[in-house]
């Protein structure tokens, strides 16, 4: 099973229950750059969970949070939040560090920008 881990300049944004038509995967459109962006809308193609491969960088995806697992800590004192998330193609483990993990709740529909895929 893949674990999707986010890198530093990533953004995670809860978008409620529905994705606007302008961001629908089927249209080939993408998501904005999210938090920390320059204010310009950057269109990116959303990746389905089934299409994730180890070593992918700058991943943009939309998924729902199904489970929130116990928070662990690194030796350096960083909090690591793990979630089971899913889209219509599969489920995966999502790891978020520190305050980014505090922002997600069960049932949230989330847009992720700038993630990376690694096997754990």
C-alpha atoms as a PDB file:
ATOM      1  CA  UNK A   1       0.000   0.000   0.000  1.00  0.00           C
ATOM      2  CA  UNK A   2       1.253   3.509  -0.791  1.00  0.00           C
ATOM      3  CA  UNK A   3       1.491   6.208   1.820  1.00  0.00           C
ATOM      4  CA  UNK A   4       1.097   9.735   0.501  1.00  0.00           C
ATOM      5  CA  UNK A   5       3.411  12.067   2.393  1.00  0.00           C
ATOM      6  CA  UNK A   6       3.311  15.823   1.954  1.00  0.00           C
ATOM      7  CA  UNK A   7       6.382  17.974   1.546  1.00  0.00           C
ATOM      8  CA  UNK A   8       6.901  21.458   3.015  1.00  0.00           C
ATOM      9  CA  UNK A   9       5.381  23.887   0.518  1.00  0.00           C
ATOM     10  CA  UNK A  10       2.285  21.721   0.112  1.00  0.00           C
ATOM     11  CA  UNK A  11      -1.248  22.914   0.737  1.00  0.00           C
ATOM     12  CA  UNK A  12      -4.236  21.024   2.112  1.00  0.00           C
ATOM     13  CA  UNK A  13      -7.634  22.667   1.799  1.00  0.00           C
ATOM     14  CA  UNK A  14     -11.012  21.348   2.932  1.00  0.00           C
ATOM     15  CA  UNK A  15     -13.550  22.098   0.185  1.00  0.00           C
ATOM     16  CA  UNK A  16     -16.761  20.883   1.763  1.00  0.00           C
ATOM     17  CA  UNK A  17     -18.906  18.217   0.187  1.00  0.00           C
ATOM     18  CA  UNK A  18     -18.586  18.952  -3.508  1.00  0.00           C
ATOM     19  CA  UNK A  19     -15.853  19.973  -5.917  1.00  0.00           C
ATOM     20  CA  UNK A  20     -16.736  22.926  -8.152  1.00  0.00           C
ATOM     21  CA  UNK A  21     -17.256  21.974 -11.813  1.00  0.00           C
ATOM     22  CA  UNK A  22     -14.245  24.107 -12.769  1.00  0.00           C
ATOM     23  CA  UNK A  23     -12.054  21.712 -10.791  1.00  0.00           C
ATOM     24  CA  UNK A  24     -13.634  18.440 -11.897  1.00  0.00           C
ATOM     25  CA  UNK A  25     -11.182  15.714 -12.957  1.00  0.00           C
ATOM     26  CA  UNK A  26     -13.265  14.806 -15.976  1.00  0.00           C
ATOM     27  CA  UNK A  27     -12.849  18.283 -17.436  1.00  0.00           C
ATOM     28  CA  UNK A  28      -9.056  18.043 -17.290  1.00  0.00           C
ATOM     29  CA  UNK A  29      -8.923  21.218 -15.161  1.00  0.00           C
ATOM     30  CA  UNK A  30      -7.003  21.355 -11.922  1.00  0.00           C
ATOM     31  CA  UNK A  31      -6.757  22.969  -8.531  1.00  0.00           C
ATOM     32  CA  UNK A  32      -5.308  26.281  -7.433  1.00  0.00           C
ATOM     33  CA  UNK A  33      -1.926  26.494  -5.766  1.00  0.00           C
ATOM     34  CA  UNK A  34      -3.518  26.742  -2.300  1.00  0.00           C
ATOM     35  CA  UNK A  35      -1.962  28.239   0.823  1.00  0.00           C
ATOM     36  CA  UNK A  36       1.277  30.079   0.257  1.00  0.00           C
ATOM     37  CA  UNK A  37       0.558  30.645  -3.427  1.00  0.00           C
ATOM     38  CA  UNK A  38       1.393  33.803  -5.326  1.00  0.00           C
ATOM     39  CA  UNK A  39      -2.304  34.543  -5.752  1.00  0.00           C
ATOM     40  CA  UNK A  40      -2.335  33.323  -9.339  1.00  0.00           C
ATOM     41  CA  UNK A  41      -4.528  30.344 -10.122  1.00  0.00           C
ATOM     42  CA  UNK A  42      -2.351  27.468 -11.228  1.00  0.00           C
ATOM     43  CA  UNK A  43      -4.250  24.760 -13.064  1.00  0.00           C
ATOM     44  CA  UNK A  44      -2.993  21.298 -12.337  1.00  0.00           C
ATOM     45  CA  UNK A  45      -4.325  17.914 -13.272  1.00  0.00           C
ATOM     46  CA  UNK A  46      -5.688  15.972 -10.317  1.00  0.00           C
ATOM     47  CA  UNK A  47      -4.194  12.503  -9.815  1.00  0.00           C
ATOM     48  CA  UNK A  48      -6.423   9.537  -8.922  1.00  0.00           C
ATOM     49  CA  UNK A  49      -5.207   7.371  -6.042  1.00  0.00           C
ATOM     50  CA  UNK A  50      -4.977   4.338  -8.357  1.00  0.00           C
ATOM     51  CA  UNK A  51      -2.488   6.279 -10.526  1.00  0.00           C
ATOM     52  CA  UNK A  52      -0.051   7.103  -7.701  1.00  0.00           C
ATOM     53  CA  UNK A  53       3.421   5.591  -8.048  1.00  0.00           C
ATOM     54  CA  UNK A  54       6.377   5.728  -5.624  1.00  0.00           C
ATOM     55  CA  UNK A  55       8.558   8.783  -6.129  1.00  0.00           C
ATOM     56  CA  UNK A  56       5.901  11.049  -7.641  1.00  0.00           C
ATOM     57  CA  UNK A  57       6.420  14.736  -6.816  1.00  0.00           C
ATOM     58  CA  UNK A  58       4.131  17.772  -6.863  1.00  0.00           C
ATOM     59  CA  UNK A  59       1.006  15.583  -6.600  1.00  0.00           C
ATOM     60  CA  UNK A  60      -2.403  17.278  -6.753  1.00  0.00           C
ATOM     61  CA  UNK A  61      -5.369  15.181  -5.605  1.00  0.00           C
ATOM     62  CA  UNK A  62      -8.911  15.324  -4.217  1.00  0.00           C
ATOM     63  CA  UNK A  63     -10.095  12.816  -1.630  1.00  0.00           C
ATOM     64  CA  UNK A  64     -12.326  12.237   1.396  1.00  0.00           C
ATOM     65  CA  UNK A  65     -10.966  11.592   4.905  1.00  0.00           C
ATOM     66  CA  UNK A  66     -12.251   8.171   6.054  1.00  0.00           C
ATOM     67  CA  UNK A  67     -10.208   7.568   9.236  1.00  0.00           C
ATOM     68  CA  UNK A  68      -7.918   9.516  11.528  1.00  0.00           C
ATOM     69  CA  UNK A  69      -5.200   7.387  13.139  1.00  0.00           C
ATOM     70  CA  UNK A  70      -3.198   7.973  16.317  1.00  0.00           C
ATOM     71  CA  UNK A  71      -0.744  10.883  16.151  1.00  0.00           C
ATOM     72  CA  UNK A  72       2.910   9.866  16.555  1.00  0.00           C
ATOM     73  CA  UNK A  73       6.052  11.956  17.039  1.00  0.00           C
ATOM     74  CA  UNK A  74       9.430  11.985  15.339  1.00  0.00           C
ATOM     75  CA  UNK A  75      12.687  12.070  17.314  1.00  0.00           C
ATOM     76  CA  UNK A  76      12.847  15.768  16.469  1.00  0.00           C
ATOM     77  CA  UNK A  77       9.484  16.395  18.149  1.00  0.00           C
ATOM     78  CA  UNK A  78       7.337  16.794  15.018  1.00  0.00           C
ATOM     79  CA  UNK A  79       3.771  15.473  15.236  1.00  0.00           C
ATOM     80  CA  UNK A  80       2.895  13.018  12.440  1.00  0.00           C
ATOM     81  CA  UNK A  81      -0.842  12.701  11.713  1.00  0.00           C
ATOM     82  CA  UNK A  82      -1.951   9.717   9.627  1.00  0.00           C
ATOM     83  CA  UNK A  83      -5.278   9.396   7.855  1.00  0.00           C
ATOM     84  CA  UNK A  84      -6.966   6.875   5.585  1.00  0.00           C
ATOM     85  CA  UNK A  85      -8.226   8.830   2.589  1.00  0.00           C
ATOM     86  CA  UNK A  86     -10.025   7.695  -0.566  1.00  0.00           C
ATOM     87  CA  UNK A  87     -11.307   8.777  -3.944  1.00  0.00           C
ATOM     88  CA  UNK A  88     -13.475   6.840  -6.395  1.00  0.00           C
ATOM     89  CA  UNK A  89     -10.455   4.688  -7.418  1.00  0.00           C
ATOM     90  CA  UNK A  90      -9.007   3.509  -4.103  1.00  0.00           C
ATOM     91  CA  UNK A  91      -7.772   4.275  -0.586  1.00  0.00           C
ATOM     92  CA  UNK A  92      -4.370   5.292   0.743  1.00  0.00           C
ATOM     93  CA  UNK A  93      -2.605   6.418   3.917  1.00  0.00           C
ATOM     94  CA  UNK A  94      -1.965  10.165   4.099  1.00  0.00           C
ATOM     95  CA  UNK A  95       0.757  11.490   6.449  1.00  0.00           C
ATOM     96  CA  UNK A  96       0.721  15.153   7.469  1.00  0.00           C
ATOM     97  CA  UNK A  97       3.187  16.812   9.804  1.00  0.00           C
ATOM     98  CA  UNK A  98       2.395  19.230  12.606  1.00  0.00           C
ATOM     99  CA  UNK A  99      -0.419  21.792  12.145  1.00  0.00           C
ATOM    100  CA  UNK A 100      -1.397  20.549   8.664  1.00  0.00           C
ATOM    101  CA  UNK A 101      -2.731  17.397  10.331  1.00  0.00           C
ATOM    102  CA  UNK A 102      -4.769  19.401  12.834  1.00  0.00           C
ATOM    103  CA  UNK A 103      -6.756  20.952   9.970  1.00  0.00           C
ATOM    104  CA  UNK A 104      -8.440  17.710   8.790  1.00  0.00           C
ATOM    105  CA  UNK A 105     -11.523  15.985  10.208  1.00  0.00           C
ATOM    106  CA  UNK A 106     -13.417  12.808   9.356  1.00  0.00           C
ATOM    107  CA  UNK A 107     -15.596  13.270   6.278  1.00  0.00           C
ATOM    108  CA  UNK A 108     -13.698  16.290   4.934  1.00  0.00           C
ATOM    109  CA  UNK A 109     -13.329  16.545   1.169  1.00  0.00           C
ATOM    110  CA  UNK A 110      -9.759  17.723   0.662  1.00  0.00           C
ATOM    111  CA  UNK A 111      -7.717  19.248  -2.164  1.00  0.00           C
ATOM    112  CA  UNK A 112      -4.024  18.483  -1.831  1.00  0.00           C
ATOM    113  CA  UNK A 113      -1.347  20.461  -3.688  1.00  0.00           C
ATOM    114  CA  UNK A 114       2.361  19.668  -3.799  1.00  0.00           C
ATOM    115  CA  UNK A 115       2.415  16.222  -2.212  1.00  0.00           C
ATOM    116  CA  UNK A 116       4.868  13.395  -2.857  1.00  0.00           C
ATOM    117  CA  UNK A 117       4.258   9.657  -2.962  1.00  0.00           C
ATOM    118  CA  UNK A 118       6.490   7.265  -1.043  1.00  0.00           C
ATOM    119  CA  UNK A 119       6.159   3.657   0.065  1.00  0.00           C
ATOM    120  CA  UNK A 120       6.291   3.012   3.809  1.00  0.00           C
END
